[in-house]
Amino acid sequence: MLLDTAKNLTVLAVVPGEEDRQSLRGILARSTWVLQLASTFQQAQYALCDHPVGVIITDSDLLDGHSWRNIAQSAALIAPPPAVIVASRCGDDRLWAEVLNLGGFDLILKPFDAKEVLHSIGMAWRSMPGEGMLQSAQG
């Protein structure tokens, strides 16, 4: 049985900052990943209901009072759950441990580094059940 490539090749980025959005657009433009953008938790909820995703990149704190924890909780309700990558300007050991302990996949630093983003997405993709049936989108 093959996985639905549209589902597994879509990245939902929950990042309110335009600079971060532009950065991710540029980074993912050179890949086979499809980028879907949301600025708020509510927009992310709609996006997850509208189109399944394989990986979520979310700011650690969102402008609407929600955080990556809310995104991770919503992701956990999806079968199979997308990997959640948390983005932060100050990725300290406490946040790193919290992300991993609460089911997040990775913590990446902002401003985004293209190699780090693509590596993290690729690793998240390869960790998904059944990924071996399809070629990695990283390259």
C-alpha atoms as a PDB file:
ATOM      1  CA  MET A   1       0.000   0.000   0.000  1.00  0.00           C
ATOM      2  CA  LEU A   2       1.416   3.384  -1.000  1.00  0.00           C
ATOM      3  CA  LEU A   3       1.000   6.527   1.051  1.00  0.00           C
ATOM      4  CA  ASP A   4      -0.821   9.562  -0.321  1.00  0.00           C
ATOM      5  CA  THR A   5       2.046  11.752  -1.505  1.00  0.00           C
ATOM      6  CA  ALA A   6      -0.021  14.953  -1.334  1.00  0.00           C
ATOM      7  CA  LYS A   7      -0.483  14.350   2.378  1.00  0.00           C
ATOM      8  CA  ASN A   8       3.088  13.433   3.121  1.00  0.00           C
ATOM      9  CA  LEU A   9       4.716  16.115   1.021  1.00  0.00           C
ATOM     10  CA  THR A  10       2.853  19.046   2.571  1.00  0.00           C
ATOM     11  CA  VAL A  11       4.395  21.243   5.260  1.00  0.00           C
ATOM     12  CA  LEU A  12       2.107  23.456   7.318  1.00  0.00           C
ATOM     13  CA  ALA A  13       4.017  26.450   8.667  1.00  0.00           C
ATOM     14  CA  VAL A  14       2.288  28.235  11.539  1.00  0.00           C
ATOM     15  CA  VAL A  15       4.392  31.377  11.582  1.00  0.00           C
ATOM     16  CA  PRO A  16       2.873  34.847  11.888  1.00  0.00           C
ATOM     17  CA  GLY A  17       5.973  36.835  10.923  1.00  0.00           C
ATOM     18  CA  GLU A  18       6.219  37.832   7.261  1.00  0.00           C
ATOM     19  CA  GLU A  19      10.023  37.555   7.306  1.00  0.00           C
ATOM     20  CA  ASP A  20       9.774  33.943   8.514  1.00  0.00           C
ATOM     21  CA  ARG A  21       7.089  33.172   5.930  1.00  0.00           C
ATOM     22  CA  GLN A  22       9.228  34.579   3.119  1.00  0.00           C
ATOM     23  CA  SER A  23      12.228  32.640   4.372  1.00  0.00           C
ATOM     24  CA  LEU A  24      10.311  29.347   4.378  1.00  0.00           C
ATOM     25  CA  ARG A  25       8.865  30.078   0.931  1.00  0.00           C
ATOM     26  CA  GLY A  26      12.389  30.531  -0.403  1.00  0.00           C
ATOM     27  CA  ILE A  27      13.763  27.450   1.338  1.00  0.00           C
ATOM     28  CA  LEU A  28      10.952  25.136   0.262  1.00  0.00           C
ATOM     29  CA  ALA A  29      10.720  26.556  -3.269  1.00  0.00           C
ATOM     30  CA  ARG A  30      13.779  24.480  -4.116  1.00  0.00           C
ATOM     31  CA  SER A  31      12.250  21.259  -2.792  1.00  0.00           C
ATOM     32  CA  THR A  32       9.304  19.051  -3.681  1.00  0.00           C
ATOM     33  CA  TRP A  33       7.508  19.987  -0.455  1.00  0.00           C
ATOM     34  CA  VAL A  34       4.274  21.952  -0.747  1.00  0.00           C
ATOM     35  CA  LEU A  35       4.140  24.827   1.741  1.00  0.00           C
ATOM     36  CA  GLN A  36       0.875  25.789   3.395  1.00  0.00           C
ATOM     37  CA  LEU A  37       0.902  28.872   5.643  1.00  0.00           C
ATOM     38  CA  ALA A  38      -1.090  29.844   8.723  1.00  0.00           C
ATOM     39  CA  SER A  39      -0.621  32.753  11.107  1.00  0.00           C
ATOM     40  CA  THR A  40      -2.805  31.687  14.033  1.00  0.00           C
ATOM     41  CA  PHE A  41      -3.894  28.552  15.849  1.00  0.00           C
ATOM     42  CA  GLN A  42      -7.383  28.875  14.342  1.00  0.00           C
ATOM     43  CA  GLN A  43      -5.991  29.147  10.817  1.00  0.00           C
ATOM     44  CA  ALA A  44      -3.838  26.082  11.508  1.00  0.00           C
ATOM     45  CA  GLN A  45      -6.930  24.179  12.693  1.00  0.00           C
ATOM     46  CA  TYR A  46      -8.734  25.022   9.449  1.00  0.00           C
ATOM     47  CA  ALA A  47      -5.690  24.050   7.398  1.00  0.00           C
ATOM     48  CA  LEU A  48      -5.386  20.683   9.159  1.00  0.00           C
ATOM     49  CA  CYS A  49      -9.069  19.963   8.493  1.00  0.00           C
ATOM     50  CA  ASP A  50      -8.859  21.145   4.886  1.00  0.00           C
ATOM     51  CA  HIS A  51      -5.714  19.362   3.725  1.00  0.00           C
ATOM     52  CA  PRO A  52      -3.692  16.714   5.552  1.00  0.00           C
ATOM     53  CA  VAL A  53      -0.042  17.492   6.152  1.00  0.00           C
ATOM     54  CA  GLY A  54       3.056  15.443   6.879  1.00  0.00           C
ATOM     55  CA  VAL A  55       5.041  17.995   8.872  1.00  0.00           C
ATOM     56  CA  ILE A  56       4.140  21.099  10.854  1.00  0.00           C
ATOM     57  CA  ILE A  57       6.619  23.895  11.587  1.00  0.00           C
ATOM     58  CA  THR A  58       5.259  26.192  14.269  1.00  0.00           C
ATOM     59  CA  ASP A  59       6.531  29.174  16.194  1.00  0.00           C
ATOM     60  CA  SER A  60       6.987  28.395  19.866  1.00  0.00           C
ATOM     61  CA  ASP A  61       4.502  31.162  20.738  1.00  0.00           C
ATOM     62  CA  LEU A  62       1.712  32.405  18.489  1.00  0.00           C
ATOM     63  CA  LEU A  63       0.261  35.907  18.480  1.00  0.00           C
ATOM     64  CA  ASP A  64      -3.249  34.702  19.377  1.00  0.00           C
ATOM     65  CA  GLY A  65      -2.184  33.452  22.826  1.00  0.00           C
ATOM     66  CA  HIS A  66      -1.713  29.846  21.737  1.00  0.00           C
ATOM     67  CA  SER A  67       1.604  28.052  21.508  1.00  0.00           C
ATOM     68  CA  TRP A  68       3.287  25.111  19.879  1.00  0.00           C
ATOM     69  CA  ARG A  69       1.722  22.900  22.582  1.00  0.00           C
ATOM     70  CA  ASN A  70      -1.748  23.601  21.182  1.00  0.00           C
ATOM     71  CA  ILE A  71      -0.529  22.773  17.683  1.00  0.00           C
ATOM     72  CA  ALA A  72       1.051  19.527  18.933  1.00  0.00           C
ATOM     73  CA  GLN A  73      -2.178  18.546  20.725  1.00  0.00           C
ATOM     74  CA  SER A  74      -4.176  19.090  17.537  1.00  0.00           C
ATOM     75  CA  ALA A  75      -1.618  17.173  15.484  1.00  0.00           C
ATOM     76  CA  ALA A  76      -1.817  14.229  17.880  1.00  0.00           C
ATOM     77  CA  LEU A  77      -5.501  13.804  17.008  1.00  0.00           C
ATOM     78  CA  ILE A  78      -4.707  13.139  13.340  1.00  0.00           C
ATOM     79  CA  ALA A  79      -3.957   9.627  12.105  1.00  0.00           C
ATOM     80  CA  PRO A  80      -1.117   9.340  11.380  1.00  0.00           C
ATOM     81  CA  PRO A  81      -0.047  12.453  13.259  1.00  0.00           C
ATOM     82  CA  PRO A  82       2.208  14.899  11.439  1.00  0.00           C
ATOM     83  CA  ALA A  83       5.592  15.599  12.980  1.00  0.00           C
ATOM     84  CA  VAL A  84       5.733  18.924  14.827  1.00  0.00           C
ATOM     85  CA  ILE A  85       8.874  21.020  14.495  1.00  0.00           C
ATOM     86  CA  VAL A  86       9.059  24.002  16.839  1.00  0.00           C
ATOM     87  CA  ALA A  87      10.816  27.208  15.743  1.00  0.00           C
ATOM     88  CA  SER A  88      12.211  29.680  18.260  1.00  0.00           C
ATOM     89  CA  ARG A  89      14.700  32.535  18.402  1.00  0.00           C
ATOM     90  CA  CYS A  90      15.985  31.299  21.763  1.00  0.00           C
ATOM     91  CA  GLY A  91      16.117  27.522  21.741  1.00  0.00           C
ATOM     92  CA  ASP A  92      17.403  26.810  25.221  1.00  0.00           C
ATOM     93  CA  ASP A  93      17.780  23.385  26.836  1.00  0.00           C
ATOM     94  CA  ARG A  94      14.510  23.759  28.748  1.00  0.00           C
ATOM     95  CA  LEU A  95      12.485  24.358  25.565  1.00  0.00           C
ATOM     96  CA  TRP A  96      14.338  21.569  23.731  1.00  0.00           C
ATOM     97  CA  ALA A  97      13.521  19.085  26.527  1.00  0.00           C
ATOM     98  CA  GLU A  98       9.907  20.247  26.696  1.00  0.00           C
ATOM     99  CA  VAL A  99       9.427  19.869  22.939  1.00  0.00           C
ATOM    100  CA  LEU A 100      10.789  16.328  22.964  1.00  0.00           C
ATOM    101  CA  ASN A 101       8.963  15.308  26.158  1.00  0.00           C
ATOM    102  CA  LEU A 102       5.612  16.568  24.898  1.00  0.00           C
ATOM    103  CA  GLY A 103       5.772  14.854  21.522  1.00  0.00           C
ATOM    104  CA  GLY A 104       7.430  17.439  19.307  1.00  0.00           C
ATOM    105  CA  PHE A 105       9.893  16.164  16.725  1.00  0.00           C
ATOM    106  CA  ASP A 106      12.553  18.876  16.688  1.00  0.00           C
ATOM    107  CA  LEU A 107      13.464  22.397  17.714  1.00  0.00           C
ATOM    108  CA  ILE A 108      14.988  24.679  15.093  1.00  0.00           C
ATOM    109  CA  LEU A 109      16.355  28.178  15.534  1.00  0.00           C
ATOM    110  CA  LYS A 110      15.214  31.369  13.859  1.00  0.00           C
ATOM    111  CA  PRO A 111      16.164  33.047  11.673  1.00  0.00           C
ATOM    112  CA  PHE A 112      15.767  29.935   9.557  1.00  0.00           C
ATOM    113  CA  ASP A 113      18.814  28.262   8.080  1.00  0.00           C
ATOM    114  CA  ALA A 114      17.964  26.443   4.834  1.00  0.00           C
ATOM    115  CA  LYS A 115      20.095  23.379   5.582  1.00  0.00           C
ATOM    116  CA  GLU A 116      18.681  23.028   9.104  1.00  0.00           C
ATOM    117  CA  VAL A 117      15.072  23.395   7.937  1.00  0.00           C
ATOM    118  CA  LEU A 118      15.437  20.895   5.101  1.00  0.00           C
ATOM    119  CA  HIS A 119      17.337  18.466   7.326  1.00  0.00           C
ATOM    120  CA  SER A 120      14.703  18.636  10.064  1.00  0.00           C
ATOM    121  CA  ILE A 121      11.817  18.202   7.609  1.00  0.00           C
ATOM    122  CA  GLY A 122      13.629  15.322   5.919  1.00  0.00           C
ATOM    123  CA  MET A 123      14.289  13.575   9.218  1.00  0.00           C
ATOM    124  CA  ALA A 124      10.670  14.083  10.281  1.00  0.00           C
ATOM    125  CA  TRP A 125       9.514  12.665   6.955  1.00  0.00           C
ATOM    126  CA  ARG A 126      11.770   9.630   7.237  1.00  0.00           C
ATOM    127  CA  SER A 127      10.522   8.959  10.776  1.00  0.00           C
ATOM    128  CA  MET A 128       6.900   8.677   9.635  1.00  0.00           C
ATOM    129  CA  PRO A 129       5.441   5.160   9.467  1.00  0.00           C
ATOM    130  CA  GLY A 130       5.520   3.839   5.904  1.00  0.00           C
ATOM    131  CA  GLU A 131       7.826   6.557   4.582  1.00  0.00           C
ATOM    132  CA  GLY A 132      10.178   3.950   3.162  1.00  0.00           C
ATOM    133  CA  MET A 133       7.611   3.245   0.442  1.00  0.00           C
ATOM    134  CA  LEU A 134       8.186   6.664  -1.111  1.00  0.00           C
ATOM    135  CA  GLN A 135      11.274   8.627  -2.002  1.00  0.00           C
ATOM    136  CA  SER A 136      12.225  11.371   0.444  1.00  0.00           C
ATOM    137  CA  ALA A 137      11.094  14.829  -0.598  1.00  0.00           C
ATOM    138  CA  GLN A 138      14.321  16.388   0.563  1.00  0.00           C
ATOM    139  CA  GLY A 139      16.163  15.767  -2.536  1.00  0.00           C
END
